[in-house]
Amino acid sequence: MKFKPLRDRVLVKYSEEDEKSAGGLYIPDSAKEKPQKGEVIAIGSGRVTDDGKVQKMDVKVGDVILFDKYSGSKITMDSVEYLIIREEDILGILEK
């Protein structure tokens, strides 16, 4: 299934988190928190400014980003959980 976000929205796939803690203990799924890191899968056209112009997005498909913990809407497509967030909820882009 294909999905194209509108305006300043971004489709993000959650990053996989480690199964073990730093101390070597395995963490059960019920105790894990949702990650605040993910990969940009699709972006909208950009934000429309007050004068009617479209402002381009700062992120692009493939970027790994950090986002606010309680932002966005969760959706499931093809058994994969995604998050739709606004560009303003993105805290930053992780560089390799």
N, C-alpha and C. Protein backbone atom coordinates (compact mmCIF):
# COMPACT_ATOMS: atom_id res chain seq x y z
N MET A 1 0.84 -1.17 0.00
CA MET A 1 0.00 0.00 0.00
C MET A 1 0.90 1.24 0.00
N LYS A 2 0.55 2.24 -0.78
CA LYS A 2 1.31 3.49 -0.83
C LYS A 2 0.56 4.55 -0.05
N PHE A 3 1.32 5.46 0.56
CA PHE A 3 0.74 6.54 1.37
C PHE A 3 1.51 7.81 1.09
N LYS A 4 0.82 8.88 0.77
CA LYS A 4 1.43 10.19 0.53
C LYS A 4 0.86 11.17 1.55
N PRO A 5 1.69 11.63 2.50
CA PRO A 5 1.21 12.61 3.48
C PRO A 5 0.89 13.95 2.81
N LEU A 6 0.00 14.69 3.41
CA LEU A 6 -0.38 16.00 2.89
C LEU A 6 0.35 17.11 3.63
N ARG A 7 0.60 18.19 2.93
CA ARG A 7 1.20 19.42 3.45
C ARG A 7 2.49 19.17 4.24
N ASP A 8 2.50 19.52 5.54
CA ASP A 8 3.74 19.45 6.33
C ASP A 8 3.80 18.18 7.18
N ARG A 9 3.14 17.13 6.74
CA ARG A 9 3.16 15.88 7.51
C ARG A 9 4.21 14.92 6.97
N VAL A 10 4.69 14.05 7.86
CA VAL A 10 5.77 13.11 7.55
C VAL A 10 5.35 11.72 8.01
N LEU A 11 5.55 10.71 7.18
CA LEU A 11 5.30 9.31 7.55
C LEU A 11 6.62 8.72 8.04
N VAL A 12 6.61 8.21 9.27
CA VAL A 12 7.82 7.72 9.92
C VAL A 12 7.64 6.26 10.31
N LYS A 13 8.65 5.45 10.04
CA LYS A 13 8.67 4.06 10.49
C LYS A 13 9.56 4.01 11.73
N TYR A 14 9.02 3.45 12.81
CA TYR A 14 9.80 3.35 14.05
C TYR A 14 11.09 2.58 13.82
N SER A 15 12.15 2.99 14.48
CA SER A 15 13.41 2.26 14.45
C SER A 15 13.31 1.09 15.41
N GLU A 16 14.00 0.01 15.06
CA GLU A 16 14.01 -1.16 15.93
C GLU A 16 14.88 -0.88 17.15
N GLU A 17 14.37 -1.22 18.30
CA GLU A 17 15.10 -1.03 19.54
C GLU A 17 15.77 -2.33 19.95
N ASP A 18 16.85 -2.22 20.72
CA ASP A 18 17.57 -3.39 21.20
C ASP A 18 16.69 -4.22 22.12
N GLU A 19 16.88 -5.53 22.07
CA GLU A 19 16.16 -6.45 22.93
C GLU A 19 16.73 -6.46 24.35
N LYS A 20 18.00 -6.07 24.48
CA LYS A 20 18.66 -6.11 25.78
C LYS A 20 18.93 -4.70 26.29
N SER A 21 18.95 -4.57 27.60
CA SER A 21 19.33 -3.30 28.21
C SER A 21 20.85 -3.17 28.20
N ALA A 22 21.35 -2.03 28.64
CA ALA A 22 22.79 -1.82 28.67
C ALA A 22 23.48 -2.80 29.61
N GLY A 23 22.77 -3.26 30.63
CA GLY A 23 23.33 -4.21 31.59
C GLY A 23 23.23 -5.66 31.14
N GLY A 24 22.65 -5.92 29.97
CA GLY A 24 22.57 -7.27 29.45
C GLY A 24 21.26 -7.98 29.75
N LEU A 25 20.29 -7.30 30.36
CA LEU A 25 19.00 -7.92 30.67
C LEU A 25 18.07 -7.81 29.47
N TYR A 26 17.30 -8.87 29.22
CA TYR A 26 16.32 -8.84 28.13
C TYR A 26 15.08 -8.09 28.60
N ILE A 27 14.57 -7.24 27.71
CA ILE A 27 13.41 -6.42 28.04
C ILE A 27 12.19 -7.01 27.33
N PRO A 28 11.13 -7.36 28.08
CA PRO A 28 9.92 -7.90 27.42
C PRO A 28 9.21 -6.79 26.65
N ASP A 29 8.46 -7.17 25.60
CA ASP A 29 7.75 -6.20 24.76
C ASP A 29 6.81 -5.32 25.57
N SER A 30 6.18 -5.88 26.61
CA SER A 30 5.23 -5.10 27.39
C SER A 30 5.91 -3.99 28.19
N ALA A 31 7.20 -4.09 28.45
CA ALA A 31 7.91 -3.09 29.24
C ALA A 31 8.64 -2.07 28.37
N LYS A 32 8.67 -2.30 27.07
CA LYS A 32 9.39 -1.39 26.18
C LYS A 32 8.58 -0.14 25.92
N GLU A 33 9.26 0.98 25.83
CA GLU A 33 8.62 2.21 25.40
C GLU A 33 8.79 2.33 23.89
N LYS A 34 7.87 3.03 23.26
CA LYS A 34 8.00 3.28 21.83
C LYS A 34 9.22 4.17 21.63
N PRO A 35 10.00 3.88 20.61
CA PRO A 35 11.18 4.71 20.36
C PRO A 35 10.79 6.11 19.91
N GLN A 36 11.68 7.05 20.11
CA GLN A 36 11.49 8.41 19.65
C GLN A 36 12.37 8.66 18.44
N LYS A 37 12.77 7.59 17.79
CA LYS A 37 13.64 7.67 16.63
C LYS A 37 13.00 6.85 15.51
N GLY A 38 13.11 7.34 14.29
CA GLY A 38 12.54 6.60 13.17
C GLY A 38 13.09 7.09 11.84
N GLU A 39 12.71 6.36 10.79
CA GLU A 39 13.15 6.68 9.44
C GLU A 39 12.00 7.30 8.66
N VAL A 40 12.27 8.37 7.95
CA VAL A 40 11.27 9.04 7.13
C VAL A 40 10.98 8.17 5.90
N ILE A 41 9.72 7.80 5.73
CA ILE A 41 9.30 6.95 4.63
C ILE A 41 8.68 7.78 3.50
N ALA A 42 7.92 8.82 3.87
CA ALA A 42 7.28 9.68 2.87
C ALA A 42 7.08 11.06 3.48
N ILE A 43 7.08 12.09 2.63
CA ILE A 43 6.85 13.46 3.09
C ILE A 43 5.79 14.13 2.24
N GLY A 44 5.15 15.14 2.82
CA GLY A 44 4.17 15.92 2.08
C GLY A 44 4.86 16.99 1.25
N SER A 45 4.07 17.84 0.64
CA SER A 45 4.61 18.87 -0.25
C SER A 45 5.24 20.03 0.50
N GLY A 46 4.85 20.26 1.74
CA GLY A 46 5.41 21.35 2.53
C GLY A 46 4.32 22.20 3.15
N ARG A 47 4.74 23.10 4.02
CA ARG A 47 3.81 23.96 4.74
C ARG A 47 3.43 25.14 3.85
N VAL A 48 2.15 25.51 3.89
CA VAL A 48 1.68 26.68 3.15
C VAL A 48 1.79 27.88 4.07
N THR A 49 2.55 28.90 3.63
CA THR A 49 2.75 30.10 4.44
C THR A 49 1.53 31.01 4.37
N ASP A 50 1.54 32.08 5.17
CA ASP A 50 0.41 33.02 5.20
C ASP A 50 0.18 33.71 3.86
N ASP A 51 1.24 33.87 3.08
CA ASP A 51 1.08 34.52 1.78
C ASP A 51 0.77 33.53 0.65
N GLY A 52 0.51 32.26 0.99
CA GLY A 52 0.08 31.27 0.02
C GLY A 52 1.19 30.49 -0.67
N LYS A 53 2.44 30.74 -0.31
CA LYS A 53 3.55 30.01 -0.92
C LYS A 53 3.81 28.72 -0.15
N VAL A 54 4.36 27.72 -0.84
CA VAL A 54 4.67 26.44 -0.21
C VAL A 54 6.12 26.45 0.23
N GLN A 55 6.33 26.24 1.53
CA GLN A 55 7.68 26.17 2.09
C GLN A 55 8.13 24.72 2.07
N LYS A 56 9.27 24.44 1.42
CA LYS A 56 9.77 23.06 1.30
C LYS A 56 10.09 22.47 2.66
N MET A 57 10.05 21.14 2.71
CA MET A 57 10.35 20.41 3.93
C MET A 57 11.87 20.37 4.15
N ASP A 58 12.28 20.37 5.43
CA ASP A 58 13.70 20.28 5.77
C ASP A 58 14.19 18.83 5.79
N VAL A 59 13.26 17.87 5.89
CA VAL A 59 13.64 16.46 5.91
C VAL A 59 13.37 15.85 4.55
N LYS A 60 14.02 14.71 4.29
CA LYS A 60 13.78 14.00 3.04
C LYS A 60 13.62 12.52 3.34
N VAL A 61 13.11 11.78 2.39
CA VAL A 61 12.91 10.34 2.55
C VAL A 61 14.26 9.68 2.81
N GLY A 62 14.31 8.82 3.82
CA GLY A 62 15.54 8.12 4.19
C GLY A 62 16.24 8.72 5.39
N ASP A 63 15.89 9.96 5.77
CA ASP A 63 16.51 10.57 6.96
C ASP A 63 16.09 9.82 8.21
N VAL A 64 17.01 9.70 9.16
CA VAL A 64 16.70 9.14 10.48
C VAL A 64 16.53 10.33 11.41
N ILE A 65 15.37 10.40 12.06
CA ILE A 65 15.01 11.58 12.84
C ILE A 65 14.68 11.23 14.29
N LEU A 66 14.73 12.25 15.13
CA LEU A 66 14.22 12.17 16.50
C LEU A 66 12.97 13.03 16.55
N PHE A 67 11.95 12.56 17.28
CA PHE A 67 10.70 13.32 17.34
C PHE A 67 10.17 13.32 18.76
N ASP A 68 9.21 14.23 19.03
CA ASP A 68 8.59 14.34 20.34
C ASP A 68 7.92 13.03 20.73
N LYS A 69 7.96 12.72 22.01
CA LYS A 69 7.46 11.44 22.51
C LYS A 69 5.97 11.22 22.26
N TYR A 70 5.17 12.23 22.46
CA TYR A 70 3.71 12.07 22.35
C TYR A 70 3.14 12.73 21.11
N SER A 71 3.92 12.83 20.06
CA SER A 71 3.44 13.50 18.86
C SER A 71 2.88 12.51 17.85
N GLY A 72 2.04 13.01 16.97
CA GLY A 72 1.59 12.25 15.83
C GLY A 72 0.45 11.28 16.07
N SER A 73 0.11 10.59 14.98
CA SER A 73 -0.96 9.59 14.98
C SER A 73 -0.38 8.27 14.49
N LYS A 74 -0.67 7.21 15.22
CA LYS A 74 -0.17 5.89 14.84
C LYS A 74 -1.13 5.26 13.84
N ILE A 75 -0.55 4.63 12.80
CA ILE A 75 -1.34 3.87 11.84
C ILE A 75 -0.62 2.55 11.57
N THR A 76 -1.35 1.56 11.11
CA THR A 76 -0.77 0.28 10.74
C THR A 76 -1.12 -0.01 9.29
N MET A 77 -0.09 -0.25 8.49
CA MET A 77 -0.28 -0.62 7.08
C MET A 77 0.57 -1.85 6.81
N ASP A 78 -0.02 -2.86 6.23
CA ASP A 78 0.68 -4.10 5.89
C ASP A 78 1.41 -4.67 7.10
N SER A 79 0.76 -4.67 8.24
CA SER A 79 1.27 -5.22 9.51
C SER A 79 2.49 -4.48 10.05
N VAL A 80 2.75 -3.27 9.59
CA VAL A 80 3.86 -2.46 10.09
C VAL A 80 3.28 -1.20 10.70
N GLU A 81 3.77 -0.83 11.89
CA GLU A 81 3.27 0.36 12.57
C GLU A 81 4.08 1.59 12.16
N TYR A 82 3.36 2.63 11.77
CA TYR A 82 3.96 3.89 11.35
C TYR A 82 3.41 5.02 12.21
N LEU A 83 4.04 6.16 12.09
CA LEU A 83 3.61 7.36 12.79
C LEU A 83 3.52 8.49 11.78
N ILE A 84 2.42 9.24 11.82
CA ILE A 84 2.28 10.43 10.98
C ILE A 84 2.45 11.63 11.90
N ILE A 85 3.47 12.45 11.62
CA ILE A 85 3.74 13.61 12.46
C ILE A 85 3.88 14.85 11.59
N ARG A 86 3.74 15.99 12.23
CA ARG A 86 4.00 17.27 11.55
C ARG A 86 5.49 17.54 11.60
N GLU A 87 5.96 18.29 10.63
CA GLU A 87 7.39 18.60 10.57
C GLU A 87 7.84 19.35 11.82
N GLU A 88 6.99 20.17 12.40
CA GLU A 88 7.35 20.93 13.59
C GLU A 88 7.60 20.04 14.82
N ASP A 89 7.12 18.80 14.81
CA ASP A 89 7.34 17.86 15.91
C ASP A 89 8.67 17.13 15.79
N ILE A 90 9.39 17.33 14.70
CA ILE A 90 10.69 16.70 14.51
C ILE A 90 11.74 17.53 15.24
N LEU A 91 12.49 16.86 16.12
CA LEU A 91 13.50 17.54 16.92
C LEU A 91 14.81 17.71 16.17
N GLY A 92 15.15 16.75 15.31
CA GLY A 92 16.40 16.83 14.57
C GLY A 92 16.62 15.62 13.69
N ILE A 93 17.63 15.73 12.84
CA ILE A 93 18.02 14.67 11.93
C ILE A 93 19.32 14.07 12.43
N LEU A 94 19.37 12.74 12.56
CA LEU A 94 20.60 12.05 12.98
C LEU A 94 21.47 11.84 11.77
N GLU A 95 22.72 12.24 11.87
CA GLU A 95 23.67 12.06 10.77
C GLU A 95 24.59 10.91 11.09
N LYS A 96 25.02 10.21 10.05
CA LYS A 96 25.88 9.04 10.23
C LYS A 96 27.31 9.44 10.42
